[in-house]
Amino acid sequence: MSTVGVKQLKNRLTQYLRHTKQGEEVIVTERGTPIALIQPIKNADKAASLEARLARAAARGAVALPTQKPLKRVRFVRVSGKPISRVIVEQRR
């Protein structure tokens, strides 16, 4: 599954059609809003991927897609001492 803007699709149409021939779906966006789905002809009845189904729902206005990319890596921080839940219980007494 890939997402591509209209301008990039225009510039690299052959590449995206090759991906489609291999069974991949391509979501076409205009200013970040999904407007079309390119999929193999054998899958014309249904969208196989979650992204494609979400794009369809967004096009109908049923959901709003996120505007930012998800975080790649989240760094966890270790804190020493008592658990915060225990501190809160003690302060309530």
C-alpha atoms as a PDB file:
ATOM      1  CA  MET A   1       0.000   0.000   0.000  1.00  0.00           C
ATOM      2  CA  SER A   2       1.374   3.372  -0.923  1.00  0.00           C
ATOM      3  CA  THR A   3       0.049   6.897  -0.881  1.00  0.00           C
ATOM      4  CA  VAL A   4       1.018   9.382  -3.565  1.00  0.00           C
ATOM      5  CA  GLY A   5       0.169  12.983  -4.382  1.00  0.00           C
ATOM      6  CA  VAL A   6      -1.257  13.928  -7.763  1.00  0.00           C
ATOM      7  CA  LYS A   7       1.935  15.654  -8.919  1.00  0.00           C
ATOM      8  CA  GLN A   8       4.182  12.738  -7.976  1.00  0.00           C
ATOM      9  CA  LEU A   9       1.751  10.279  -9.576  1.00  0.00           C
ATOM     10  CA  LYS A  10       1.868  12.281 -12.798  1.00  0.00           C
ATOM     11  CA  ASN A  11       5.674  12.283 -12.781  1.00  0.00           C
ATOM     12  CA  ARG A  12       6.031   8.564 -11.946  1.00  0.00           C
ATOM     13  CA  LEU A  13       2.879   6.984 -13.354  1.00  0.00           C
ATOM     14  CA  THR A  14       4.682   3.982 -14.855  1.00  0.00           C
ATOM     15  CA  GLN A  15       6.276   3.131 -11.515  1.00  0.00           C
ATOM     16  CA  TYR A  16       2.931   3.210  -9.676  1.00  0.00           C
ATOM     17  CA  LEU A  17       1.211   1.183 -12.397  1.00  0.00           C
ATOM     18  CA  ARG A  18       3.969  -1.404 -12.021  1.00  0.00           C
ATOM     19  CA  HIS A  19       3.227  -1.566  -8.279  1.00  0.00           C
ATOM     20  CA  THR A  20      -0.453  -2.021  -9.096  1.00  0.00           C
ATOM     21  CA  LYS A  21       0.327  -4.869 -11.497  1.00  0.00           C
ATOM     22  CA  GLN A  22       2.097  -6.603  -8.608  1.00  0.00           C
ATOM     23  CA  GLY A  23      -1.112  -6.443  -6.531  1.00  0.00           C
ATOM     24  CA  GLU A  24      -0.491  -3.272  -4.520  1.00  0.00           C
ATOM     25  CA  GLU A  25      -3.105  -0.575  -4.040  1.00  0.00           C
ATOM     26  CA  VAL A  26      -2.176   3.088  -4.474  1.00  0.00           C
ATOM     27  CA  ILE A  27      -4.087   5.909  -2.802  1.00  0.00           C
ATOM     28  CA  VAL A  28      -3.968   9.200  -4.690  1.00  0.00           C
ATOM     29  CA  THR A  29      -4.154  12.354  -2.570  1.00  0.00           C
ATOM     30  CA  GLU A  30      -4.709  15.999  -3.349  1.00  0.00           C
ATOM     31  CA  ARG A  31      -3.275  18.294  -0.681  1.00  0.00           C
ATOM     32  CA  GLY A  32      -3.274  15.376   1.768  1.00  0.00           C
ATOM     33  CA  THR A  33      -6.906  14.377   1.146  1.00  0.00           C
ATOM     34  CA  PRO A  34      -7.503  10.982  -0.483  1.00  0.00           C
ATOM     35  CA  ILE A  35      -9.330  11.385  -3.793  1.00  0.00           C
ATOM     36  CA  ALA A  36      -8.767   8.136  -5.686  1.00  0.00           C
ATOM     37  CA  LEU A  37      -7.719   4.535  -5.331  1.00  0.00           C
ATOM     38  CA  ILE A  38      -5.740   2.700  -7.988  1.00  0.00           C
ATOM     39  CA  GLN A  39      -5.986  -1.047  -7.543  1.00  0.00           C
ATOM     40  CA  PRO A  40      -5.508  -4.171  -9.619  1.00  0.00           C
ATOM     41  CA  ILE A  41      -8.524  -4.978 -11.778  1.00  0.00           C
ATOM     42  CA  LYS A  42      -8.960  -8.329 -10.012  1.00  0.00           C
ATOM     43  CA  ASN A  43      -9.624  -6.438  -6.737  1.00  0.00           C
ATOM     44  CA  ALA A  44     -12.037  -3.944  -8.260  1.00  0.00           C
ATOM     45  CA  ASP A  45     -14.927  -4.971  -6.002  1.00  0.00           C
ATOM     46  CA  LYS A  46     -13.220  -4.466  -2.659  1.00  0.00           C
ATOM     47  CA  ALA A  47     -10.306  -2.648  -1.078  1.00  0.00           C
ATOM     48  CA  ALA A  48      -7.954  -5.137   0.553  1.00  0.00           C
ATOM     49  CA  SER A  49      -5.831  -2.917   2.768  1.00  0.00           C
ATOM     50  CA  LEU A  50      -6.764  -0.976   5.862  1.00  0.00           C
ATOM     51  CA  GLU A  51      -5.380   2.234   4.359  1.00  0.00           C
ATOM     52  CA  ALA A  52      -7.617   1.889   1.320  1.00  0.00           C
ATOM     53  CA  ARG A  53     -10.709   1.291   3.450  1.00  0.00           C
ATOM     54  CA  LEU A  54      -9.822   4.300   5.611  1.00  0.00           C
ATOM     55  CA  ALA A  55      -9.316   6.424   2.495  1.00  0.00           C
ATOM     56  CA  ARG A  56     -12.782   5.431   1.265  1.00  0.00           C
ATOM     57  CA  ALA A  57     -14.304   6.282   4.632  1.00  0.00           C
ATOM     58  CA  ALA A  58     -12.509   9.644   4.605  1.00  0.00           C
ATOM     59  CA  ALA A  59     -13.769  10.366   1.111  1.00  0.00           C
ATOM     60  CA  ARG A  60     -17.335   9.736   2.329  1.00  0.00           C
ATOM     61  CA  GLY A  61     -16.692  12.005   5.323  1.00  0.00           C
ATOM     62  CA  ALA A  62     -17.181   9.179   7.828  1.00  0.00           C
ATOM     63  CA  VAL A  63     -13.733   9.625   9.417  1.00  0.00           C
ATOM     64  CA  ALA A  64     -10.990  12.227   9.520  1.00  0.00           C
ATOM     65  CA  LEU A  65      -7.521  10.959   8.710  1.00  0.00           C
ATOM     66  CA  PRO A  66      -4.545  12.110  10.791  1.00  0.00           C
ATOM     67  CA  THR A  67      -2.677  15.102   9.423  1.00  0.00           C
ATOM     68  CA  GLN A  68       0.728  14.168  10.830  1.00  0.00           C
ATOM     69  CA  LYS A  69       2.833  11.090  10.280  1.00  0.00           C
ATOM     70  CA  PRO A  70       3.032   8.711  13.260  1.00  0.00           C
ATOM     71  CA  LEU A  71       6.090   8.785  15.484  1.00  0.00           C
ATOM     72  CA  LYS A  72       8.745   6.382  14.312  1.00  0.00           C
ATOM     73  CA  ARG A  73      10.300   5.733  17.679  1.00  0.00           C
ATOM     74  CA  VAL A  74       9.204   6.593  21.178  1.00  0.00           C
ATOM     75  CA  ARG A  75      11.827   6.727  23.883  1.00  0.00           C
ATOM     76  CA  PHE A  76      10.688   5.403  27.248  1.00  0.00           C
ATOM     77  CA  VAL A  77      11.913   7.093  30.402  1.00  0.00           C
ATOM     78  CA  ARG A  78      12.598   5.122  33.558  1.00  0.00           C
ATOM     79  CA  VAL A  79      11.734   6.851  36.799  1.00  0.00           C
ATOM     80  CA  SER A  80      13.113   5.729  40.145  1.00  0.00           C
ATOM     81  CA  GLY A  81      11.205   5.762  43.386  1.00  0.00           C
ATOM     82  CA  LYS A  82       7.645   4.814  44.275  1.00  0.00           C
ATOM     83  CA  PRO A  83       5.064   4.260  41.592  1.00  0.00           C
ATOM     84  CA  ILE A  84       3.018   7.418  40.972  1.00  0.00           C
ATOM     85  CA  SER A  85      -0.195   5.536  41.753  1.00  0.00           C
ATOM     86  CA  ARG A  86       1.079   4.808  45.286  1.00  0.00           C
ATOM     87  CA  VAL A  87       2.078   8.457  45.799  1.00  0.00           C
ATOM     88  CA  ILE A  88      -1.409   9.610  44.783  1.00  0.00           C
ATOM     89  CA  VAL A  89      -3.092   7.132  47.166  1.00  0.00           C
ATOM     90  CA  GLU A  90      -0.857   8.292  50.026  1.00  0.00           C
ATOM     91  CA  GLN A  91      -1.650  11.953  49.368  1.00  0.00           C
ATOM     92  CA  ARG A  92      -5.384  11.280  49.400  1.00  0.00           C
ATOM     93  CA  ARG A  93      -5.235   9.956  52.986  1.00  0.00           C
END
